[in-house]
């Protein structure tokens, strides 16, 4: 894979390890990631929050298993928000998924290992076509990984948002009856997870956008007003870091609704 494109907002968010440590609770409200003890891991997170995604991935991997969560989050942010081409994006999601599986095998009590398994696999499924992915059994793997993440970290807002979005998208693609009978997906579970994500991280642009998109998939007419409000709210978020700034700008320019 060629060099990653730069984040256009990196210069606006200077971070070092000390600043990341001081702001950890606010920066990581959406993912419930525990504050790392290793200074090298904190420095990798500083690179991530400052928008240096490629360097953050490399620094996270160099720090061992404790750095895998930041490596995966950096790669996922780049894939979702900056990578313009499908093939490199799919390669990144496969890479994240493989690392997360190895991470879970080594540290099965760490929620991030399961979250990134489910999240990366589902993003990959969206690129290869949802119906095809479901036929391959990916749906059950995604749901199982995200549910495990939430068992380990019930306050993981991004995992709630991802699981709610999974339920909504399966319903949208195969219909509510097949979704419920075959994949255990239903609208009430989708809304419960999405609303919990919003309660846990009410000022996360990523959570708000995921919520808005899921509402449209569930019932665009019934939920249009709420989805529009959520997208407008995401567009007004005061971004915590460079990664969130990308989500805010997406909300401002998106044709989601």
C-alpha atoms as a PDB file:
ATOM      1  CA  UNK A   1       0.000   0.000   0.000  1.00  0.00           C
ATOM      2  CA  UNK A   2       1.304   3.454  -0.897  1.00  0.00           C
ATOM      3  CA  UNK A   3       1.831   6.207   1.663  1.00  0.00           C
ATOM      4  CA  UNK A   4      -1.340   7.358   3.343  1.00  0.00           C
ATOM      5  CA  UNK A   5      -2.881  10.692   2.500  1.00  0.00           C
ATOM      6  CA  UNK A   6      -2.309  13.340   5.176  1.00  0.00           C
ATOM      7  CA  UNK A   7      -5.103  14.456   7.472  1.00  0.00           C
ATOM      8  CA  UNK A   8      -5.916  18.051   6.466  1.00  0.00           C
ATOM      9  CA  UNK A   9      -6.519  19.086  10.087  1.00  0.00           C
ATOM     10  CA  UNK A  10      -3.411  17.609  11.697  1.00  0.00           C
ATOM     11  CA  UNK A  11      -1.794  20.998  12.307  1.00  0.00           C
ATOM     12  CA  UNK A  12      -4.853  22.180  14.244  1.00  0.00           C
ATOM     13  CA  UNK A  13      -4.567  19.495  16.940  1.00  0.00           C
ATOM     14  CA  UNK A  14      -1.076  19.322  18.476  1.00  0.00           C
ATOM     15  CA  UNK A  15      -0.839  16.470  20.981  1.00  0.00           C
ATOM     16  CA  UNK A  16       1.917  14.953  23.026  1.00  0.00           C
ATOM     17  CA  UNK A  17       1.778  12.136  25.583  1.00  0.00           C
ATOM     18  CA  UNK A  18       1.244  14.528  28.498  1.00  0.00           C
ATOM     19  CA  UNK A  19      -1.700  16.247  26.849  1.00  0.00           C
ATOM     20  CA  UNK A  20      -3.265  12.918  25.909  1.00  0.00           C
ATOM     21  CA  UNK A  21      -2.936  11.718  29.494  1.00  0.00           C
ATOM     22  CA  UNK A  22      -4.501  14.918  30.868  1.00  0.00           C
ATOM     23  CA  UNK A  23      -7.440  14.763  28.446  1.00  0.00           C
ATOM     24  CA  UNK A  24      -7.845  10.984  28.361  1.00  0.00           C
ATOM     25  CA  UNK A  25     -11.341  10.815  29.875  1.00  0.00           C
ATOM     26  CA  UNK A  26     -12.729  13.297  27.349  1.00  0.00           C
ATOM     27  CA  UNK A  27     -10.835  11.925  24.350  1.00  0.00           C
ATOM     28  CA  UNK A  28     -11.881   8.354  25.070  1.00  0.00           C
ATOM     29  CA  UNK A  29     -15.438   8.790  26.286  1.00  0.00           C
ATOM     30  CA  UNK A  30     -16.719   7.124  23.074  1.00  0.00           C
ATOM     31  CA  UNK A  31     -14.524   3.994  23.222  1.00  0.00           C
ATOM     32  CA  UNK A  32     -14.037   3.398  26.978  1.00  0.00           C
ATOM     33  CA  UNK A  33     -10.369   2.610  26.317  1.00  0.00           C
ATOM     34  CA  UNK A  34      -8.403   2.364  29.579  1.00  0.00           C
ATOM     35  CA  UNK A  35      -5.531   4.802  30.108  1.00  0.00           C
ATOM     36  CA  UNK A  36      -2.335   2.971  29.093  1.00  0.00           C
ATOM     37  CA  UNK A  37       0.606   2.796  31.454  1.00  0.00           C
ATOM     38  CA  UNK A  38       3.225   2.483  28.709  1.00  0.00           C
ATOM     39  CA  UNK A  39       4.633   5.839  27.611  1.00  0.00           C
ATOM     40  CA  UNK A  40       5.227   4.502  24.088  1.00  0.00           C
ATOM     41  CA  UNK A  41       1.536   3.653  23.774  1.00  0.00           C
ATOM     42  CA  UNK A  42       0.562   7.119  24.990  1.00  0.00           C
ATOM     43  CA  UNK A  43       2.838   8.601  22.349  1.00  0.00           C
ATOM     44  CA  UNK A  44       1.132   6.466  19.697  1.00  0.00           C
ATOM     45  CA  UNK A  45      -2.212   7.809  20.885  1.00  0.00           C
ATOM     46  CA  UNK A  46      -0.802  11.350  20.667  1.00  0.00           C
ATOM     47  CA  UNK A  47       0.010  10.687  17.010  1.00  0.00           C
ATOM     48  CA  UNK A  48      -3.509   9.375  16.426  1.00  0.00           C
ATOM     49  CA  UNK A  49      -5.283  12.270  18.114  1.00  0.00           C
ATOM     50  CA  UNK A  50      -3.080  14.672  16.184  1.00  0.00           C
ATOM     51  CA  UNK A  51      -4.136  13.156  12.862  1.00  0.00           C
ATOM     52  CA  UNK A  52      -0.858  11.350  12.128  1.00  0.00           C
ATOM     53  CA  UNK A  53      -2.657   8.111  11.352  1.00  0.00           C
ATOM     54  CA  UNK A  54       0.054   6.208   9.484  1.00  0.00           C
ATOM     55  CA  UNK A  55       2.655   7.055  12.126  1.00  0.00           C
ATOM     56  CA  UNK A  56       0.183   6.152  14.881  1.00  0.00           C
ATOM     57  CA  UNK A  57      -0.396   2.716  13.390  1.00  0.00           C
ATOM     58  CA  UNK A  58       3.350   2.079  13.169  1.00  0.00           C
ATOM     59  CA  UNK A  59       4.009   3.353  16.688  1.00  0.00           C
ATOM     60  CA  UNK A  60       1.159   1.309  18.117  1.00  0.00           C
ATOM     61  CA  UNK A  61       2.411  -1.895  16.524  1.00  0.00           C
ATOM     62  CA  UNK A  62       5.953  -1.191  17.721  1.00  0.00           C
ATOM     63  CA  UNK A  63       4.624  -0.998  21.300  1.00  0.00           C
ATOM     64  CA  UNK A  64       3.360  -4.604  21.308  1.00  0.00           C
ATOM     65  CA  UNK A  65      -0.086  -5.852  22.288  1.00  0.00           C
ATOM     66  CA  UNK A  66      -0.805  -2.761  24.380  1.00  0.00           C
ATOM     67  CA  UNK A  67      -0.447  -0.667  21.248  1.00  0.00           C
ATOM     68  CA  UNK A  68      -2.701  -2.722  18.978  1.00  0.00           C
ATOM     69  CA  UNK A  69      -5.875  -0.749  19.900  1.00  0.00           C
ATOM     70  CA  UNK A  70      -4.350   2.539  18.766  1.00  0.00           C
ATOM     71  CA  UNK A  71      -2.910   0.923  15.623  1.00  0.00           C
ATOM     72  CA  UNK A  72      -6.346  -0.397  14.737  1.00  0.00           C
ATOM     73  CA  UNK A  73      -8.152   2.833  15.505  1.00  0.00           C
ATOM     74  CA  UNK A  74      -5.688   4.810  13.409  1.00  0.00           C
ATOM     75  CA  UNK A  75      -6.019   2.441  10.447  1.00  0.00           C
ATOM     76  CA  UNK A  76      -9.813   2.434  10.747  1.00  0.00           C
ATOM     77  CA  UNK A  77      -9.990   6.229  10.879  1.00  0.00           C
ATOM     78  CA  UNK A  78      -7.863   6.490   7.770  1.00  0.00           C
ATOM     79  CA  UNK A  79      -9.868   3.832   5.919  1.00  0.00           C
ATOM     80  CA  UNK A  80     -13.248   5.329   6.782  1.00  0.00           C
ATOM     81  CA  UNK A  81     -12.439   9.009   6.447  1.00  0.00           C
ATOM     82  CA  UNK A  82      -9.529   9.539   4.069  1.00  0.00           C
ATOM     83  CA  UNK A  83      -8.869   6.524   1.819  1.00  0.00           C
ATOM     84  CA  UNK A  84     -10.636   7.235  -1.506  1.00  0.00           C
ATOM     85  CA  UNK A  85     -10.157   3.834  -3.163  1.00  0.00           C
ATOM     86  CA  UNK A  86     -12.064   0.636  -2.416  1.00  0.00           C
ATOM     87  CA  UNK A  87      -9.242  -1.915  -2.694  1.00  0.00           C
ATOM     88  CA  UNK A  88      -6.834  -0.232  -0.243  1.00  0.00           C
ATOM     89  CA  UNK A  89      -9.744   0.427   2.104  1.00  0.00           C
ATOM     90  CA  UNK A  90     -10.777  -3.234   2.063  1.00  0.00           C
ATOM     91  CA  UNK A  91      -7.162  -4.271   2.619  1.00  0.00           C
ATOM     92  CA  UNK A  92      -7.005  -2.041   5.690  1.00  0.00           C
ATOM     93  CA  UNK A  93     -10.165  -3.533   7.163  1.00  0.00           C
ATOM     94  CA  UNK A  94      -8.831  -7.042   6.594  1.00  0.00           C
ATOM     95  CA  UNK A  95      -5.580  -6.037   8.287  1.00  0.00           C
ATOM     96  CA  UNK A  96      -7.426  -4.594  11.277  1.00  0.00           C
ATOM     97  CA  UNK A  97      -9.598  -7.685  11.579  1.00  0.00           C
ATOM     98  CA  UNK A  98      -6.603 -10.047  11.498  1.00  0.00           C
ATOM     99  CA  UNK A  99      -4.787  -8.035  14.153  1.00  0.00           C
ATOM    100  CA  UNK A 100      -7.882  -7.858  16.339  1.00  0.00           C
ATOM    101  CA  UNK A 101      -8.337 -11.640  16.173  1.00  0.00           C
ATOM    102  CA  UNK A 102      -4.728 -12.159  17.231  1.00  0.00           C
ATOM    103  CA  UNK A 103      -5.175  -9.561  19.963  1.00  0.00           C
ATOM    104  CA  UNK A 104      -8.265 -11.341  21.306  1.00  0.00           C
ATOM    105  CA  UNK A 105      -6.410 -14.648  21.328  1.00  0.00           C
ATOM    106  CA  UNK A 106      -3.678 -13.077  23.457  1.00  0.00           C
ATOM    107  CA  UNK A 107      -5.839 -10.793  25.616  1.00  0.00           C
ATOM    108  CA  UNK A 108      -9.439 -12.050  25.505  1.00  0.00           C
ATOM    109  CA  UNK A 109     -10.600  -9.729  28.316  1.00  0.00           C
ATOM    110  CA  UNK A 110      -9.783  -6.563  26.369  1.00  0.00           C
ATOM    111  CA  UNK A 111     -12.929  -5.134  24.793  1.00  0.00           C
ATOM    112  CA  UNK A 112     -11.096  -3.312  22.017  1.00  0.00           C
ATOM    113  CA  UNK A 113      -9.905  -6.617  20.533  1.00  0.00           C
ATOM    114  CA  UNK A 114     -13.505  -7.745  20.065  1.00  0.00           C
ATOM    115  CA  UNK A 115     -14.778  -4.335  18.998  1.00  0.00           C
ATOM    116  CA  UNK A 116     -12.259  -4.067  16.180  1.00  0.00           C
ATOM    117  CA  UNK A 117     -12.971  -7.616  15.053  1.00  0.00           C
ATOM    118  CA  UNK A 118     -16.642  -6.796  14.658  1.00  0.00           C
ATOM    119  CA  UNK A 119     -16.265  -3.252  13.378  1.00  0.00           C
ATOM    120  CA  UNK A 120     -13.593  -3.983  10.773  1.00  0.00           C
ATOM    121  CA  UNK A 121     -15.361  -7.094   9.512  1.00  0.00           C
ATOM    122  CA  UNK A 122     -18.616  -5.188   9.123  1.00  0.00           C
ATOM    123  CA  UNK A 123     -16.934  -2.316   7.273  1.00  0.00           C
ATOM    124  CA  UNK A 124     -15.369  -4.903   4.981  1.00  0.00           C
ATOM    125  CA  UNK A 125     -18.792  -6.503   4.474  1.00  0.00           C
ATOM    126  CA  UNK A 126     -20.238  -3.164   3.417  1.00  0.00           C
ATOM    127  CA  UNK A 127     -17.614  -2.924   0.687  1.00  0.00           C
ATOM    128  CA  UNK A 128     -18.145  -6.446  -0.686  1.00  0.00           C
ATOM    129  CA  UNK A 129     -21.985  -6.153  -0.537  1.00  0.00           C
ATOM    130  CA  UNK A 130     -24.038  -6.889   2.554  1.00  0.00           C
ATOM    131  CA  UNK A 131     -26.125  -9.735   1.106  1.00  0.00           C
ATOM    132  CA  UNK A 132     -23.011 -11.576  -0.047  1.00  0.00           C
ATOM    133  CA  UNK A 133     -21.343 -11.025   3.317  1.00  0.00           C
ATOM    134  CA  UNK A 134     -24.360 -12.345   5.205  1.00  0.00           C
ATOM    135  CA  UNK A 135     -24.418 -15.444   3.015  1.00  0.00           C
ATOM    136  CA  UNK A 136     -20.792 -16.057   4.001  1.00  0.00           C
ATOM    137  CA  UNK A 137     -21.692 -16.026   7.685  1.00  0.00           C
ATOM    138  CA  UNK A 138     -20.073 -12.686   8.397  1.00  0.00           C
ATOM    139  CA  UNK A 139     -23.196 -11.363  10.127  1.00  0.00           C
ATOM    140  CA  UNK A 140     -23.012 -13.795  13.030  1.00  0.00           C
ATOM    141  CA  UNK A 141     -19.294 -13.108  13.470  1.00  0.00           C
ATOM    142  CA  UNK A 142     -19.883  -9.357  13.585  1.00  0.00           C
ATOM    143  CA  UNK A 143     -22.732  -9.611  16.043  1.00  0.00           C
ATOM    144  CA  UNK A 144     -20.864 -12.044  18.286  1.00  0.00           C
ATOM    145  CA  UNK A 145     -17.729  -9.892  18.412  1.00  0.00           C
ATOM    146  CA  UNK A 146     -19.611  -6.676  19.178  1.00  0.00           C
ATOM    147  CA  UNK A 147     -21.742  -8.344  21.847  1.00  0.00           C
ATOM    148  CA  UNK A 148     -18.584  -9.693  23.481  1.00  0.00           C
ATOM    149  CA  UNK A 149     -17.059  -6.218  23.431  1.00  0.00           C
ATOM    150  CA  UNK A 150     -20.113  -4.848  25.225  1.00  0.00           C
ATOM    151  CA  UNK A 151     -20.075  -7.627  27.801  1.00  0.00           C
ATOM    152  CA  UNK A 152     -16.522  -6.573  28.647  1.00  0.00           C
ATOM    153  CA  UNK A 153     -17.105  -2.813  28.358  1.00  0.00           C
ATOM    154  CA  UNK A 154     -20.796  -1.859  28.672  1.00  0.00           C
ATOM    155  CA  UNK A 155     -19.892   1.845  28.390  1.00  0.00           C
ATOM    156  CA  UNK A 156     -18.274   1.425  24.950  1.00  0.00           C
ATOM    157  CA  UNK A 157     -20.427   3.894  22.990  1.00  0.00           C
ATOM    158  CA  UNK A 158     -18.844   3.102  19.629  1.00  0.00           C
ATOM    159  CA  UNK A 159     -19.598  -0.606  20.096  1.00  0.00           C
ATOM    160  CA  UNK A 160     -23.230   0.191  20.916  1.00  0.00           C
ATOM    161  CA  UNK A 161     -23.429   2.376  17.808  1.00  0.00           C
ATOM    162  CA  UNK A 162     -21.829  -0.311  15.651  1.00  0.00           C
ATOM    163  CA  UNK A 163     -24.153  -3.034  16.937  1.00  0.00           C
ATOM    164  CA  UNK A 164     -27.193  -0.817  16.483  1.00  0.00           C
ATOM    165  CA  UNK A 165     -26.044  -0.017  12.959  1.00  0.00           C
ATOM    166  CA  UNK A 166     -25.541  -3.728  12.258  1.00  0.00           C
ATOM    167  CA  UNK A 167     -29.140  -4.514  13.260  1.00  0.00           C
ATOM    168  CA  UNK A 168     -30.446  -1.616  11.154  1.00  0.00           C
ATOM    169  CA  UNK A 169     -28.468  -2.471   8.045  1.00  0.00           C
ATOM    170  CA  UNK A 170     -29.387  -6.149   8.109  1.00  0.00           C
ATOM    171  CA  UNK A 171     -33.060  -5.195   8.389  1.00  0.00           C
ATOM    172  CA  UNK A 172     -32.636  -2.739   5.523  1.00  0.00           C
ATOM    173  CA  UNK A 173     -31.017  -5.340   3.252  1.00  0.00           C
ATOM    174  CA  UNK A 174     -33.043  -8.506   3.921  1.00  0.00           C
ATOM    175  CA  UNK A 175     -36.257  -7.244   5.542  1.00  0.00           C
ATOM    176  CA  UNK A 176     -37.386  -7.423   9.169  1.00  0.00           C
ATOM    177  CA  UNK A 177     -38.699 -11.007   9.102  1.00  0.00           C
ATOM    178  CA  UNK A 178     -35.595 -12.628   7.596  1.00  0.00           C
ATOM    179  CA  UNK A 179     -33.370 -10.350   9.678  1.00  0.00           C
ATOM    180  CA  UNK A 180     -35.039 -11.491  12.896  1.00  0.00           C
ATOM    181  CA  UNK A 181     -35.317 -15.188  12.065  1.00  0.00           C
ATOM    182  CA  UNK A 182     -31.919 -15.673  10.428  1.00  0.00           C
ATOM    183  CA  UNK A 183     -29.615 -13.061  11.944  1.00  0.00           C
ATOM    184  CA  UNK A 184     -31.292 -12.091  15.211  1.00  0.00           C
ATOM    185  CA  UNK A 185     -31.567  -8.477  14.072  1.00  0.00           C
ATOM    186  CA  UNK A 186     -34.547  -6.343  15.026  1.00  0.00           C
ATOM    187  CA  UNK A 187     -35.478  -2.680  15.142  1.00  0.00           C
ATOM    188  CA  UNK A 188     -36.008  -2.480  18.891  1.00  0.00           C
ATOM    189  CA  UNK A 189     -32.494  -3.786  19.577  1.00  0.00           C
ATOM    190  CA  UNK A 190     -31.064  -1.381  17.003  1.00  0.00           C
ATOM    191  CA  UNK A 191     -32.740   1.614  18.629  1.00  0.00           C
ATOM    192  CA  UNK A 192     -31.801   0.493  22.147  1.00  0.00           C
ATOM    193  CA  UNK A 193     -28.111   0.263  21.256  1.00  0.00           C
ATOM    194  CA  UNK A 194     -28.127   3.515  19.308  1.00  0.00           C
ATOM    195  CA  UNK A 195     -29.836   5.461  22.080  1.00  0.00           C
ATOM    196  CA  UNK A 196     -27.448   4.004  24.632  1.00  0.00           C
ATOM    197  CA  UNK A 197     -24.515   5.069  22.459  1.00  0.00           C
ATOM    198  CA  UNK A 198     -25.894   8.598  22.375  1.00  0.00           C
ATOM    199  CA  UNK A 199     -26.386   8.637  26.149  1.00  0.00           C
ATOM    200  CA  UNK A 200     -22.817   7.500  26.713  1.00  0.00           C
ATOM    201  CA  UNK A 201     -21.242   9.879  24.177  1.00  0.00           C
ATOM    202  CA  UNK A 202     -23.728  12.660  23.402  1.00  0.00           C
ATOM    203  CA  UNK A 203     -21.065  14.878  21.830  1.00  0.00           C
ATOM    204  CA  UNK A 204     -19.398  12.272  19.595  1.00  0.00           C
ATOM    205  CA  UNK A 205     -19.816  13.167  15.932  1.00  0.00           C
ATOM    206  CA  UNK A 206     -19.163   9.558  14.906  1.00  0.00           C
ATOM    207  CA  UNK A 207     -21.888   8.231  17.199  1.00  0.00           C
ATOM    208  CA  UNK A 208     -24.368  10.873  16.062  1.00  0.00           C
ATOM    209  CA  UNK A 209     -23.734  10.164  12.380  1.00  0.00           C
ATOM    210  CA  UNK A 210     -24.002   6.398  12.861  1.00  0.00           C
ATOM    211  CA  UNK A 211     -27.287   6.943  14.695  1.00  0.00           C
ATOM    212  CA  UNK A 212     -28.644   9.148  11.905  1.00  0.00           C
ATOM    213  CA  UNK A 213     -27.681   6.667   9.178  1.00  0.00           C
ATOM    214  CA  UNK A 214     -29.249   3.756  11.070  1.00  0.00           C
ATOM    215  CA  UNK A 215     -32.514   5.628  11.558  1.00  0.00           C
ATOM    216  CA  UNK A 216     -32.782   6.214   7.817  1.00  0.00           C
ATOM    217  CA  UNK A 217     -32.179   2.517   7.161  1.00  0.00           C
ATOM    218  CA  UNK A 218     -34.857   1.519   9.659  1.00  0.00           C
ATOM    219  CA  UNK A 219     -37.566   3.860   8.329  1.00  0.00           C
ATOM    220  CA  UNK A 220     -36.591   6.973   6.415  1.00  0.00           C
ATOM    221  CA  UNK A 221     -40.047   8.559   6.571  1.00  0.00           C
ATOM    222  CA  UNK A 222     -40.732   7.929  10.251  1.00  0.00           C
ATOM    223  CA  UNK A 223     -37.240   8.934  11.418  1.00  0.00           C
ATOM    224  CA  UNK A 224     -36.287  11.667   8.958  1.00  0.00           C
ATOM    225  CA  UNK A 225     -36.720  14.550  11.393  1.00  0.00           C
ATOM    226  CA  UNK A 226     -34.693  12.875  14.143  1.00  0.00           C
ATOM    227  CA  UNK A 227     -31.984  11.767  11.722  1.00  0.00           C
ATOM    228  CA  UNK A 228     -31.709  15.296  10.343  1.00  0.00           C
ATOM    229  CA  UNK A 229     -31.421  16.711  13.858  1.00  0.00           C
ATOM    230  CA  UNK A 230     -28.678  14.214  14.720  1.00  0.00           C
ATOM    231  CA  UNK A 231     -26.687  15.065  11.597  1.00  0.00           C
ATOM    232  CA  UNK A 232     -27.021  18.786  12.313  1.00  0.00           C
ATOM    233  CA  UNK A 233     -25.880  18.147  15.877  1.00  0.00           C
ATOM    234  CA  UNK A 234     -22.839  16.217  14.608  1.00  0.00           C
ATOM    235  CA  UNK A 235     -21.949  19.111  12.319  1.00  0.00           C
ATOM    236  CA  UNK A 236     -21.826  21.456  15.330  1.00  0.00           C
ATOM    237  CA  UNK A 237     -19.629  19.295  17.571  1.00  0.00           C
ATOM    238  CA  UNK A 238     -16.459  20.914  18.902  1.00  0.00           C
ATOM    239  CA  UNK A 239     -14.005  18.261  17.770  1.00  0.00           C
ATOM    240  CA  UNK A 240     -11.765  16.719  20.433  1.00  0.00           C
ATOM    241  CA  UNK A 241      -9.043  15.802  17.964  1.00  0.00           C
ATOM    242  CA  UNK A 242      -8.156  15.592  14.285  1.00  0.00           C
ATOM    243  CA  UNK A 243     -10.010  12.301  13.785  1.00  0.00           C
ATOM    244  CA  UNK A 244     -13.237  13.696  15.157  1.00  0.00           C
ATOM    245  CA  UNK A 245     -12.777  16.833  13.071  1.00  0.00           C
ATOM    246  CA  UNK A 246     -13.024  14.593  10.007  1.00  0.00           C
ATOM    247  CA  UNK A 247     -16.339  13.216  11.282  1.00  0.00           C
ATOM    248  CA  UNK A 248     -17.612  16.749  11.902  1.00  0.00           C
ATOM    249  CA  UNK A 249     -16.657  17.843   8.393  1.00  0.00           C
ATOM    250  CA  UNK A 250     -18.353  14.719   7.001  1.00  0.00           C
ATOM    251  CA  UNK A 251     -21.528  15.694   8.828  1.00  0.00           C
ATOM    252  CA  UNK A 252     -21.326  19.179   7.329  1.00  0.00           C
ATOM    253  CA  UNK A 253     -20.927  17.968   3.751  1.00  0.00           C
ATOM    254  CA  UNK A 254     -22.592  14.553   3.757  1.00  0.00           C
ATOM    255  CA  UNK A 255     -25.546  13.672   1.547  1.00  0.00           C
ATOM    256  CA  UNK A 256     -26.471  11.012   4.117  1.00  0.00           C
ATOM    257  CA  UNK A 257     -29.985  12.373   4.447  1.00  0.00           C
END
